[in-house]
Amino acid sequence: LLLIEPRHGYALFSQIQSDLRDVWH
């Protein structure tokens, strides 16, 4: 995810929740 775009912690968490919540909690 960080190679696609640098992010701060909360933005990274939001991206995981948006795109990958079905495979990683």
mmCIF file of all heavy atoms, coordinates in Angstrom:
data_MODEL
# 
_entry.id   MODEL 
# 
loop_
_atom_site.group_PDB 
_atom_site.id 
_atom_site.type_symbol 
_atom_site.label_atom_id 
_atom_site.label_alt_id 
_atom_site.label_comp_id 
_atom_site.label_asym_id 
_atom_site.label_entity_id 
_atom_site.label_seq_id 
_atom_site.pdbx_PDB_ins_code 
_atom_site.Cartn_x 
_atom_site.Cartn_y 
_atom_site.Cartn_z 
_atom_site.occupancy 
_atom_site.B_iso_or_equiv 
_atom_site.pdbx_formal_charge 
_atom_site.auth_seq_id 
_atom_site.auth_comp_id 
_atom_site.auth_asym_id 
_atom_site.auth_atom_id 
_atom_site.pdbx_PDB_model_num 
ATOM 1   N N   . LEU A 1 1  ? 0.828   -1.208  0.000  1.00 0.00 ? 1  LEU A N   1 
ATOM 2   C CA  . LEU A 1 1  ? 0.000   0.000   0.000  1.00 0.00 ? 1  LEU A CA  1 
ATOM 3   C C   . LEU A 1 1  ? 0.864   1.260   0.000  1.00 0.00 ? 1  LEU A C   1 
ATOM 4   O O   . LEU A 1 1  ? 0.536   2.250   -0.674 1.00 0.00 ? 1  LEU A O   1 
ATOM 5   C CB  . LEU A 1 1  ? -0.934  -0.008  1.209  1.00 0.00 ? 1  LEU A CB  1 
ATOM 6   C CG  . LEU A 1 1  ? -2.044  -1.063  1.191  1.00 0.00 ? 1  LEU A CG  1 
ATOM 7   C CD1 . LEU A 1 1  ? -2.777  -1.082  2.524  1.00 0.00 ? 1  LEU A CD1 1 
ATOM 8   C CD2 . LEU A 1 1  ? -3.028  -0.788  0.043  1.00 0.00 ? 1  LEU A CD2 1 
ATOM 9   N N   . LEU A 1 2  ? 1.966   1.234   0.733  1.00 0.00 ? 2  LEU A N   1 
ATOM 10  C CA  . LEU A 1 2  ? 2.827   2.412   0.793  1.00 0.00 ? 2  LEU A CA  1 
ATOM 11  C C   . LEU A 1 2  ? 3.629   2.596   -0.494 1.00 0.00 ? 2  LEU A C   1 
ATOM 12  O O   . LEU A 1 2  ? 4.031   3.718   -0.820 1.00 0.00 ? 2  LEU A O   1 
ATOM 13  C CB  . LEU A 1 2  ? 3.781   2.310   1.987  1.00 0.00 ? 2  LEU A CB  1 
ATOM 14  C CG  . LEU A 1 2  ? 3.105   2.332   3.360  1.00 0.00 ? 2  LEU A CG  1 
ATOM 15  C CD1 . LEU A 1 2  ? 4.138   2.197   4.470  1.00 0.00 ? 2  LEU A CD1 1 
ATOM 16  C CD2 . LEU A 1 2  ? 2.281   3.614   3.546  1.00 0.00 ? 2  LEU A CD2 1 
ATOM 17  N N   . LEU A 1 3  ? 3.867   1.513   -1.234 1.00 0.00 ? 3  LEU A N   1 
ATOM 18  C CA  . LEU A 1 3  ? 4.535   1.647   -2.531 1.00 0.00 ? 3  LEU A CA  1 
ATOM 19  C C   . LEU A 1 3  ? 3.601   2.276   -3.558 1.00 0.00 ? 3  LEU A C   1 
ATOM 20  O O   . LEU A 1 3  ? 4.057   2.970   -4.472 1.00 0.00 ? 3  LEU A O   1 
ATOM 21  C CB  . LEU A 1 3  ? 5.012   0.276   -3.022 1.00 0.00 ? 3  LEU A CB  1 
ATOM 22  C CG  . LEU A 1 3  ? 6.186   -0.347  -2.261 1.00 0.00 ? 3  LEU A CG  1 
ATOM 23  C CD1 . LEU A 1 3  ? 6.456   -1.764  -2.748 1.00 0.00 ? 3  LEU A CD1 1 
ATOM 24  C CD2 . LEU A 1 3  ? 7.442   0.511   -2.404 1.00 0.00 ? 3  LEU A CD2 1 
ATOM 25  N N   . ILE A 1 4  ? 2.297   2.038   -3.407 1.00 0.00 ? 4  ILE A N   1 
ATOM 26  C CA  . ILE A 1 4  ? 1.326   2.684   -4.293 1.00 0.00 ? 4  ILE A CA  1 
ATOM 27  C C   . ILE A 1 4  ? 1.264   4.174   -4.000 1.00 0.00 ? 4  ILE A C   1 
ATOM 28  O O   . ILE A 1 4  ? 1.267   5.004   -4.901 1.00 0.00 ? 4  ILE A O   1 
ATOM 29  C CB  . ILE A 1 4  ? -0.064  2.043   -4.123 1.00 0.00 ? 4  ILE A CB  1 
ATOM 30  C CG1 . ILE A 1 4  ? -0.045  0.584   -4.605 1.00 0.00 ? 4  ILE A CG1 1 
ATOM 31  C CG2 . ILE A 1 4  ? -1.121  2.838   -4.904 1.00 0.00 ? 4  ILE A CG2 1 
ATOM 32  C CD1 . ILE A 1 4  ? -1.321  -0.174  -4.323 1.00 0.00 ? 4  ILE A CD1 1 
ATOM 33  N N   . GLU A 1 5  ? 1.251   4.502   -2.703 1.00 0.00 ? 5  GLU A N   1 
ATOM 34  C CA  . GLU A 1 5  ? 1.171   5.915   -2.297 1.00 0.00 ? 5  GLU A CA  1 
ATOM 35  C C   . GLU A 1 5  ? 1.607   6.050   -0.846 1.00 0.00 ? 5  GLU A C   1 
ATOM 36  O O   . GLU A 1 5  ? 1.103   5.320   0.010  1.00 0.00 ? 5  GLU A O   1 
ATOM 37  C CB  . GLU A 1 5  ? -0.270  6.423   -2.453 1.00 0.00 ? 5  GLU A CB  1 
ATOM 38  C CG  . GLU A 1 5  ? -0.443  7.872   -2.068 1.00 0.00 ? 5  GLU A CG  1 
ATOM 39  C CD  . GLU A 1 5  ? -1.892  8.316   -2.150 1.00 0.00 ? 5  GLU A CD  1 
ATOM 40  O OE1 . GLU A 1 5  ? -2.714  7.559   -2.709 1.00 0.00 ? 5  GLU A OE1 1 
ATOM 41  O OE2 . GLU A 1 5  ? -2.199  9.404   -1.643 1.00 0.00 ? 5  GLU A OE2 1 
ATOM 42  N N   . PRO A 1 6  ? 2.540   6.966   -0.533 1.00 0.00 ? 6  PRO A N   1 
ATOM 43  C CA  . PRO A 1 6  ? 2.913   7.205   0.868  1.00 0.00 ? 6  PRO A CA  1 
ATOM 44  C C   . PRO A 1 6  ? 1.685   7.660   1.657  1.00 0.00 ? 6  PRO A C   1 
ATOM 45  O O   . PRO A 1 6  ? 0.842   8.404   1.144  1.00 0.00 ? 6  PRO A O   1 
ATOM 46  C CB  . PRO A 1 6  ? 3.964   8.307   0.771  1.00 0.00 ? 6  PRO A CB  1 
ATOM 47  C CG  . PRO A 1 6  ? 4.505   8.188   -0.619 1.00 0.00 ? 6  PRO A CG  1 
ATOM 48  C CD  . PRO A 1 6  ? 3.345   7.777   -1.467 1.00 0.00 ? 6  PRO A CD  1 
ATOM 49  N N   . ARG A 1 7  ? 1.591   7.236   2.898  1.00 0.00 ? 7  ARG A N   1 
ATOM 50  C CA  . ARG A 1 7  ? 0.414   7.554   3.707  1.00 0.00 ? 7  ARG A CA  1 
ATOM 51  C C   . ARG A 1 7  ? 0.814   7.721   5.166  1.00 0.00 ? 7  ARG A C   1 
ATOM 52  O O   . ARG A 1 7  ? 1.784   7.123   5.624  1.00 0.00 ? 7  ARG A O   1 
ATOM 53  C CB  . ARG A 1 7  ? -0.634  6.434   3.625  1.00 0.00 ? 7  ARG A CB  1 
ATOM 54  C CG  . ARG A 1 7  ? -1.281  6.240   2.259  1.00 0.00 ? 7  ARG A CG  1 
ATOM 55  C CD  . ARG A 1 7  ? -2.196  5.034   2.306  1.00 0.00 ? 7  ARG A CD  1 
ATOM 56  N NE  . ARG A 1 7  ? -3.002  4.897   1.106  1.00 0.00 ? 7  ARG A NE  1 
ATOM 57  C CZ  . ARG A 1 7  ? -2.627  4.241   0.023  1.00 0.00 ? 7  ARG A CZ  1 
ATOM 58  N NH1 . ARG A 1 7  ? -1.439  3.666   -0.014 1.00 0.00 ? 7  ARG A NH1 1 
ATOM 59  N NH2 . ARG A 1 7  ? -3.420  4.139   -1.027 1.00 0.00 ? 7  ARG A NH2 1 
ATOM 60  N N   . HIS A 1 8  ? 0.019   8.488   5.902  1.00 0.00 ? 8  HIS A N   1 
ATOM 61  C CA  . HIS A 1 8  ? 0.169   8.509   7.351  1.00 0.00 ? 8  HIS A CA  1 
ATOM 62  C C   . HIS A 1 8  ? -0.669  7.368   7.924  1.00 0.00 ? 8  HIS A C   1 
ATOM 63  O O   . HIS A 1 8  ? -1.443  6.712   7.211  1.00 0.00 ? 8  HIS A O   1 
ATOM 64  C CB  . HIS A 1 8  ? -0.220  9.856   7.947  1.00 0.00 ? 8  HIS A CB  1 
ATOM 65  C CG  . HIS A 1 8  ? -1.602  10.325  7.583  1.00 0.00 ? 8  HIS A CG  1 
ATOM 66  N ND1 . HIS A 1 8  ? -2.732  9.793   8.147  1.00 0.00 ? 8  HIS A ND1 1 
ATOM 67  C CD2 . HIS A 1 8  ? -2.030  11.281  6.711  1.00 0.00 ? 8  HIS A CD2 1 
ATOM 68  C CE1 . HIS A 1 8  ? -3.805  10.390  7.656  1.00 0.00 ? 8  HIS A CE1 1 
ATOM 69  N NE2 . HIS A 1 8  ? -3.411  11.301  6.774  1.00 0.00 ? 8  HIS A NE2 1 
ATOM 70  N N   . GLY A 1 9  ? -0.499  7.103   9.200  1.00 0.00 ? 9  GLY A N   1 
ATOM 71  C CA  . GLY A 1 9  ? -1.089  5.917   9.807  1.00 0.00 ? 9  GLY A CA  1 
ATOM 72  C C   . GLY A 1 9  ? -2.592  5.823   9.643  1.00 0.00 ? 9  GLY A C   1 
ATOM 73  O O   . GLY A 1 9  ? -3.115  4.753   9.299  1.00 0.00 ? 9  GLY A O   1 
ATOM 74  N N   . TYR A 1 10 ? -3.314  6.929   9.892  1.00 0.00 ? 10 TYR A N   1 
ATOM 75  C CA  . TYR A 1 10 ? -4.774  6.857   9.819  1.00 0.00 ? 10 TYR A CA  1 
ATOM 76  C C   . TYR A 1 10 ? -5.247  6.640   8.389  1.00 0.00 ? 10 TYR A C   1 
ATOM 77  O O   . TYR A 1 10 ? -6.205  5.896   8.149  1.00 0.00 ? 10 TYR A O   1 
ATOM 78  C CB  . TYR A 1 10 ? -5.407  8.120   10.396 1.00 0.00 ? 10 TYR A CB  1 
ATOM 79  C CG  . TYR A 1 10 ? -6.915  8.051   10.399 1.00 0.00 ? 10 TYR A CG  1 
ATOM 80  C CD1 . TYR A 1 10 ? -7.574  7.255   11.338 1.00 0.00 ? 10 TYR A CD1 1 
ATOM 81  C CD2 . TYR A 1 10 ? -7.665  8.745   9.450  1.00 0.00 ? 10 TYR A CD2 1 
ATOM 82  C CE1 . TYR A 1 10 ? -8.969  7.163   11.332 1.00 0.00 ? 10 TYR A CE1 1 
ATOM 83  C CE2 . TYR A 1 10 ? -9.047  8.657   9.437  1.00 0.00 ? 10 TYR A CE2 1 
ATOM 84  C CZ  . TYR A 1 10 ? -9.691  7.860   10.382 1.00 0.00 ? 10 TYR A CZ  1 
ATOM 85  O OH  . TYR A 1 10 ? -11.067 7.759   10.369 1.00 0.00 ? 10 TYR A OH  1 
ATOM 86  N N   . ALA A 1 11 ? -4.583  7.281   7.424  1.00 0.00 ? 11 ALA A N   1 
ATOM 87  C CA  . ALA A 1 11 ? -4.951  7.087   6.017  1.00 0.00 ? 11 ALA A CA  1 
ATOM 88  C C   . ALA A 1 11 ? -4.710  5.638   5.599  1.00 0.00 ? 11 ALA A C   1 
ATOM 89  O O   . ALA A 1 11 ? -5.493  5.055   4.838  1.00 0.00 ? 11 ALA A O   1 
ATOM 90  C CB  . ALA A 1 11 ? -4.161  8.037   5.121  1.00 0.00 ? 11 ALA A CB  1 
ATOM 91  N N   . LEU A 1 12 ? -3.630  5.050   6.093  1.00 0.00 ? 12 LEU A N   1 
ATOM 92  C CA  . LEU A 1 12 ? -3.330  3.650   5.799  1.00 0.00 ? 12 LEU A CA  1 
ATOM 93  C C   . LEU A 1 12 ? -4.406  2.747   6.398  1.00 0.00 ? 12 LEU A C   1 
ATOM 94  O O   . LEU A 1 12 ? -4.895  1.818   5.743  1.00 0.00 ? 12 LEU A O   1 
ATOM 95  C CB  . LEU A 1 12 ? -1.955  3.290   6.355  1.00 0.00 ? 12 LEU A CB  1 
ATOM 96  C CG  . LEU A 1 12 ? -1.454  1.871   6.112  1.00 0.00 ? 12 LEU A CG  1 
ATOM 97  C CD1 . LEU A 1 12 ? -1.272  1.612   4.623  1.00 0.00 ? 12 LEU A CD1 1 
ATOM 98  C CD2 . LEU A 1 12 ? -0.124  1.641   6.835  1.00 0.00 ? 12 LEU A CD2 1 
ATOM 99  N N   . PHE A 1 13 ? -4.789  3.028   7.637  1.00 0.00 ? 13 PHE A N   1 
ATOM 100 C CA  . PHE A 1 13 ? -5.838  2.250   8.294  1.00 0.00 ? 13 PHE A CA  1 
ATOM 101 C C   . PHE A 1 13 ? -7.150  2.356   7.517  1.00 0.00 ? 13 PHE A C   1 
ATOM 102 O O   . PHE A 1 13 ? -7.841  1.351   7.315  1.00 0.00 ? 13 PHE A O   1 
ATOM 103 C CB  . PHE A 1 13 ? -6.028  2.744   9.730  1.00 0.00 ? 13 PHE A CB  1 
ATOM 104 C CG  . PHE A 1 13 ? -7.135  2.065   10.475 1.00 0.00 ? 13 PHE A CG  1 
ATOM 105 C CD1 . PHE A 1 13 ? -6.954  0.790   10.987 1.00 0.00 ? 13 PHE A CD1 1 
ATOM 106 C CD2 . PHE A 1 13 ? -8.357  2.695   10.654 1.00 0.00 ? 13 PHE A CD2 1 
ATOM 107 C CE1 . PHE A 1 13 ? -7.979  0.152   11.679 1.00 0.00 ? 13 PHE A CE1 1 
ATOM 108 C CE2 . PHE A 1 13 ? -9.383  2.068   11.330 1.00 0.00 ? 13 PHE A CE2 1 
ATOM 109 C CZ  . PHE A 1 13 ? -9.198  0.793   11.852 1.00 0.00 ? 13 PHE A CZ  1 
ATOM 110 N N   . SER A 1 14 ? -7.485  3.564   7.068  1.00 0.00 ? 14 SER A N   1 
ATOM 111 C CA  . SER A 1 14 ? -8.717  3.765   6.304  1.00 0.00 ? 14 SER A CA  1 
ATOM 112 C C   . SER A 1 14 ? -8.690  2.994   4.992  1.00 0.00 ? 14 SER A C   1 
ATOM 113 O O   . SER A 1 14 ? -9.711  2.438   4.568  1.00 0.00 ? 14 SER A O   1 
ATOM 114 C CB  . SER A 1 14 ? -8.923  5.258   6.030  1.00 0.00 ? 14 SER A CB  1 
ATOM 115 O OG  . SER A 1 14 ? -9.054  5.981   7.235  1.00 0.00 ? 14 SER A OG  1 
ATOM 116 N N   . GLN A 1 15 ? -7.525  2.955   4.344  1.00 0.00 ? 15 GLN A N   1 
ATOM 117 C CA  . GLN A 1 15 ? -7.391  2.211   3.086  1.00 0.00 ? 15 GLN A CA  1 
ATOM 118 C C   . GLN A 1 15 ? -7.587  0.713   3.315  1.00 0.00 ? 15 GLN A C   1 
ATOM 119 O O   . GLN A 1 15 ? -8.243  0.037   2.520  1.00 0.00 ? 15 GLN A O   1 
ATOM 120 C CB  . GLN A 1 15 ? -6.015  2.465   2.468  1.00 0.00 ? 15 GLN A CB  1 
ATOM 121 C CG  . GLN A 1 15 ? -5.853  1.937   1.058  1.00 0.00 ? 15 GLN A CG  1 
ATOM 122 C CD  . GLN A 1 15 ? -6.639  2.755   0.037  1.00 0.00 ? 15 GLN A CD  1 
ATOM 123 O OE1 . GLN A 1 15 ? -6.801  3.953   0.209  1.00 0.00 ? 15 GLN A OE1 1 
ATOM 124 N NE2 . GLN A 1 15 ? -7.115  2.092   -1.000 1.00 0.00 ? 15 GLN A NE2 1 
ATOM 125 N N   . ILE A 1 16 ? -7.013  0.203   4.376  1.00 0.00 ? 16 ILE A N   1 
ATOM 126 C CA  . ILE A 1 16 ? -7.183  -1.219  4.708  1.00 0.00 ? 16 ILE A CA  1 
ATOM 127 C C   . ILE A 1 16 ? -8.645  -1.518  4.993  1.00 0.00 ? 16 ILE A C   1 
ATOM 128 O O   . ILE A 1 16 ? -9.194  -2.521  4.520  1.00 0.00 ? 16 ILE A O   1 
ATOM 129 C CB  . ILE A 1 16 ? -6.300  -1.599  5.916  1.00 0.00 ? 16 ILE A CB  1 
ATOM 130 C CG1 . ILE A 1 16 ? -4.819  -1.490  5.538  1.00 0.00 ? 16 ILE A CG1 1 
ATOM 131 C CG2 . ILE A 1 16 ? -6.616  -3.008  6.400  1.00 0.00 ? 16 ILE A CG2 1 
ATOM 132 C CD1 . ILE A 1 16 ? -3.881  -1.575  6.720  1.00 0.00 ? 16 ILE A CD1 1 
ATOM 133 N N   . GLN A 1 17 ? -9.289  -0.647  5.747  1.00 0.00 ? 17 GLN A N   1 
ATOM 134 C CA  . GLN A 1 17 ? -10.701 -0.846  6.062  1.00 0.00 ? 17 GLN A CA  1 
ATOM 135 C C   . GLN A 1 17 ? -11.570 -0.783  4.813  1.00 0.00 ? 17 GLN A C   1 
ATOM 136 O O   . GLN A 1 17 ? -12.566 -1.507  4.692  1.00 0.00 ? 17 GLN A O   1 
ATOM 137 C CB  . GLN A 1 17 ? -11.165 0.212   7.073  1.00 0.00 ? 17 GLN A CB  1 
ATOM 138 C CG  . GLN A 1 17 ? -10.569 0.073   8.455  1.00 0.00 ? 17 GLN A CG  1 
ATOM 139 C CD  . GLN A 1 17 ? -11.038 -1.188  9.148  1.00 0.00 ? 17 GLN A CD  1 
ATOM 140 O OE1 . GLN A 1 17 ? -10.315 -2.184  9.186  1.00 0.00 ? 17 GLN A OE1 1 
ATOM 141 N NE2 . GLN A 1 17 ? -12.228 -1.174  9.674  1.00 0.00 ? 17 GLN A NE2 1 
ATOM 142 N N   . SER A 1 18 ? -11.196 0.059   3.877  1.00 0.00 ? 18 SER A N   1 
ATOM 143 C CA  . SER A 1 18 ? -11.978 0.230   2.659  1.00 0.00 ? 18 SER A CA  1 
ATOM 144 C C   . SER A 1 18 ? -11.797 -0.920  1.679  1.00 0.00 ? 18 SER A C   1 
ATOM 145 O O   . SER A 1 18 ? -12.775 -1.447  1.139  1.00 0.00 ? 18 SER A O   1 
ATOM 146 C CB  . SER A 1 18 ? -11.585 1.550   1.972  1.00 0.00 ? 18 SER A CB  1 
ATOM 147 O OG  . SER A 1 18 ? -12.185 1.664   0.707  1.00 0.00 ? 18 SER A OG  1 
ATOM 148 N N   . ASP A 1 19 ? -10.544 -1.323  1.446  1.00 0.00 ? 19 ASP A N   1 
ATOM 149 C CA  . ASP A 1 19 ? -10.254 -2.270  0.372  1.00 0.00 ? 19 ASP A CA  1 
ATOM 150 C C   . ASP A 1 19 ? -9.990  -3.701  0.839  1.00 0.00 ? 19 ASP A C   1 
ATOM 151 O O   . ASP A 1 19 ? -10.225 -4.644  0.078  1.00 0.00 ? 19 ASP A O   1 
ATOM 152 C CB  . ASP A 1 19 ? -9.033  -1.794  -0.434 1.00 0.00 ? 19 ASP A CB  1 
ATOM 153 C CG  . ASP A 1 19 ? -9.327  -0.535  -1.231 1.00 0.00 ? 19 ASP A CG  1 
ATOM 154 O OD1 . ASP A 1 19 ? -10.473 -0.069  -1.198 1.00 0.00 ? 19 ASP A OD1 1 
ATOM 155 O OD2 . ASP A 1 19 ? -8.399  -0.018  -1.874 1.00 0.00 ? 19 ASP A OD2 1 
ATOM 156 N N   . LEU A 1 20 ? -9.480  -3.868  2.054  1.00 0.00 ? 20 LEU A N   1 
ATOM 157 C CA  . LEU A 1 20 ? -8.998  -5.192  2.461  1.00 0.00 ? 20 LEU A CA  1 
ATOM 158 C C   . LEU A 1 20 ? -9.645  -5.708  3.739  1.00 0.00 ? 20 LEU A C   1 
ATOM 159 O O   . LEU A 1 20 ? -9.148  -6.657  4.344  1.00 0.00 ? 20 LEU A O   1 
ATOM 160 C CB  . LEU A 1 20 ? -7.475  -5.152  2.643  1.00 0.00 ? 20 LEU A CB  1 
ATOM 161 C CG  . LEU A 1 20 ? -6.668  -4.885  1.371  1.00 0.00 ? 20 LEU A CG  1 
ATOM 162 C CD1 . LEU A 1 20 ? -5.221  -4.538  1.701  1.00 0.00 ? 20 LEU A CD1 1 
ATOM 163 C CD2 . LEU A 1 20 ? -6.729  -6.091  0.443  1.00 0.00 ? 20 LEU A CD2 1 
ATOM 164 N N   . ARG A 1 21 ? -10.746 -5.089  4.146  1.00 0.00 ? 21 ARG A N   1 
ATOM 165 C CA  . ARG A 1 21 ? -11.356 -5.497  5.413  1.00 0.00 ? 21 ARG A CA  1 
ATOM 166 C C   . ARG A 1 21 ? -11.865 -6.938  5.390  1.00 0.00 ? 21 ARG A C   1 
ATOM 167 O O   . ARG A 1 21 ? -12.009 -7.570  6.436  1.00 0.00 ? 21 ARG A O   1 
ATOM 168 C CB  . ARG A 1 21 ? -12.506 -4.554  5.779  1.00 0.00 ? 21 ARG A CB  1 
ATOM 169 C CG  . ARG A 1 21 ? -13.688 -4.572  4.822  1.00 0.00 ? 21 ARG A CG  1 
ATOM 170 C CD  . ARG A 1 21 ? -14.766 -3.590  5.271  1.00 0.00 ? 21 ARG A CD  1 
ATOM 171 N NE  . ARG A 1 21 ? -15.920 -3.586  4.396  1.00 0.00 ? 21 ARG A NE  1 
ATOM 172 C CZ  . ARG A 1 21 ? -16.011 -2.845  3.290  1.00 0.00 ? 21 ARG A CZ  1 
ATOM 173 N NH1 . ARG A 1 21 ? -14.995 -2.057  2.952  1.00 0.00 ? 21 ARG A NH1 1 
ATOM 174 N NH2 . ARG A 1 21 ? -17.085 -2.883  2.535  1.00 0.00 ? 21 ARG A NH2 1 
ATOM 175 N N   . ASP A 1 22 ? -12.133 -7.481  4.202  1.00 0.00 ? 22 ASP A N   1 
ATOM 176 C CA  . ASP A 1 22 ? -12.628 -8.857  4.120  1.00 0.00 ? 22 ASP A CA  1 
ATOM 177 C C   . ASP A 1 22 ? -11.525 -9.893  4.274  1.00 0.00 ? 22 ASP A C   1 
ATOM 178 O O   . ASP A 1 22 ? -11.814 -11.087 4.445  1.00 0.00 ? 22 ASP A O   1 
ATOM 179 C CB  . ASP A 1 22 ? -13.338 -9.082  2.779  1.00 0.00 ? 22 ASP A CB  1 
ATOM 180 C CG  . ASP A 1 22 ? -14.600 -8.241  2.650  1.00 0.00 ? 22 ASP A CG  1 
ATOM 181 O OD1 . ASP A 1 22 ? -15.294 -8.068  3.669  1.00 0.00 ? 22 ASP A OD1 1 
ATOM 182 O OD2 . ASP A 1 22 ? -14.885 -7.755  1.544  1.00 0.00 ? 22 ASP A OD2 1 
ATOM 183 N N   . VAL A 1 23 ? -10.266 -9.473  4.190  1.00 0.00 ? 23 VAL A N   1 
ATOM 184 C CA  . VAL A 1 23 ? -9.163  -10.436 4.285  1.00 0.00 ? 23 VAL A CA  1 
ATOM 185 C C   . VAL A 1 23 ? -8.199  -10.126 5.426  1.00 0.00 ? 23 VAL A C   1 
ATOM 186 O O   . VAL A 1 23 ? -7.369  -10.966 5.775  1.00 0.00 ? 23 VAL A O   1 
ATOM 187 C CB  . VAL A 1 23 ? -8.366  -10.520 2.957  1.00 0.00 ? 23 VAL A CB  1 
ATOM 188 C CG1 . VAL A 1 23 ? -9.247  -11.022 1.840  1.00 0.00 ? 23 VAL A CG1 1 
ATOM 189 C CG2 . VAL A 1 23 ? -7.749  -9.170  2.579  1.00 0.00 ? 23 VAL A CG2 1 
ATOM 190 N N   . TRP A 1 24 ? -8.276  -8.924  6.002  1.00 0.00 ? 24 TRP A N   1 
ATOM 191 C CA  . TRP A 1 24 ? -7.369  -8.595  7.101  1.00 0.00 ? 24 TRP A CA  1 
ATOM 192 C C   . TRP A 1 24 ? -8.062  -7.667  8.085  1.00 0.00 ? 24 TRP A C   1 
ATOM 193 O O   . TRP A 1 24 ? -8.464  -6.560  7.734  1.00 0.00 ? 24 TRP A O   1 
ATOM 194 C CB  . TRP A 1 24 ? -6.094  -7.925  6.569  1.00 0.00 ? 24 TRP A CB  1 
ATOM 195 C CG  . TRP A 1 24 ? -5.052  -7.697  7.620  1.00 0.00 ? 24 TRP A CG  1 
ATOM 196 C CD1 . TRP A 1 24 ? -4.860  -8.419  8.760  1.00 0.00 ? 24 TRP A CD1 1 
ATOM 197 C CD2 . TRP A 1 24 ? -4.060  -6.658  7.645  1.00 0.00 ? 24 TRP A CD2 1 
ATOM 198 N NE1 . TRP A 1 24 ? -3.807  -7.914  9.485  1.00 0.00 ? 24 TRP A NE1 1 
ATOM 199 C CE2 . TRP A 1 24 ? -3.296  -6.838  8.834  1.00 0.00 ? 24 TRP A CE2 1 
ATOM 200 C CE3 . TRP A 1 24 ? -3.732  -5.626  6.781  1.00 0.00 ? 24 TRP A CE3 1 
ATOM 201 C CZ2 . TRP A 1 24 ? -2.242  -6.004  9.171  1.00 0.00 ? 24 TRP A CZ2 1 
ATOM 202 C CZ3 . TRP A 1 24 ? -2.678  -4.775  7.113  1.00 0.00 ? 24 TRP A CZ3 1 
ATOM 203 C CH2 . TRP A 1 24 ? -1.940  -4.974  8.289  1.00 0.00 ? 24 TRP A CH2 1 
ATOM 204 N N   . HIS A 1 25 ? -8.208  -8.151  9.312  1.00 0.00 ? 25 HIS A N   1 
ATOM 205 C CA  . HIS A 1 25 ? -8.801  -7.343  10.375 1.00 0.00 ? 25 HIS A CA  1 
ATOM 206 C C   . HIS A 1 25 ? -7.675  -6.908  11.309 1.00 0.00 ? 25 HIS A C   1 
ATOM 207 O O   . HIS A 1 25 ? -7.046  -7.747  11.957 1.00 0.00 ? 25 HIS A O   1 
ATOM 208 C CB  . HIS A 1 25 ? -9.843  -8.162  11.140 1.00 0.00 ? 25 HIS A CB  1 
ATOM 209 C CG  . HIS A 1 25 ? -10.955 -8.677  10.283 1.00 0.00 ? 25 HIS A CG  1 
ATOM 210 N ND1 . HIS A 1 25 ? -12.019 -7.907  9.889  1.00 0.00 ? 25 HIS A ND1 1 
ATOM 211 C CD2 . HIS A 1 25 ? -11.148 -9.894  9.715  1.00 0.00 ? 25 HIS A CD2 1 
ATOM 212 C CE1 . HIS A 1 25 ? -12.830 -8.612  9.134  1.00 0.00 ? 25 HIS A CE1 1 
ATOM 213 N NE2 . HIS A 1 25 ? -12.319 -9.832  9.006  1.00 0.00 ? 25 HIS A NE2 1 
# 
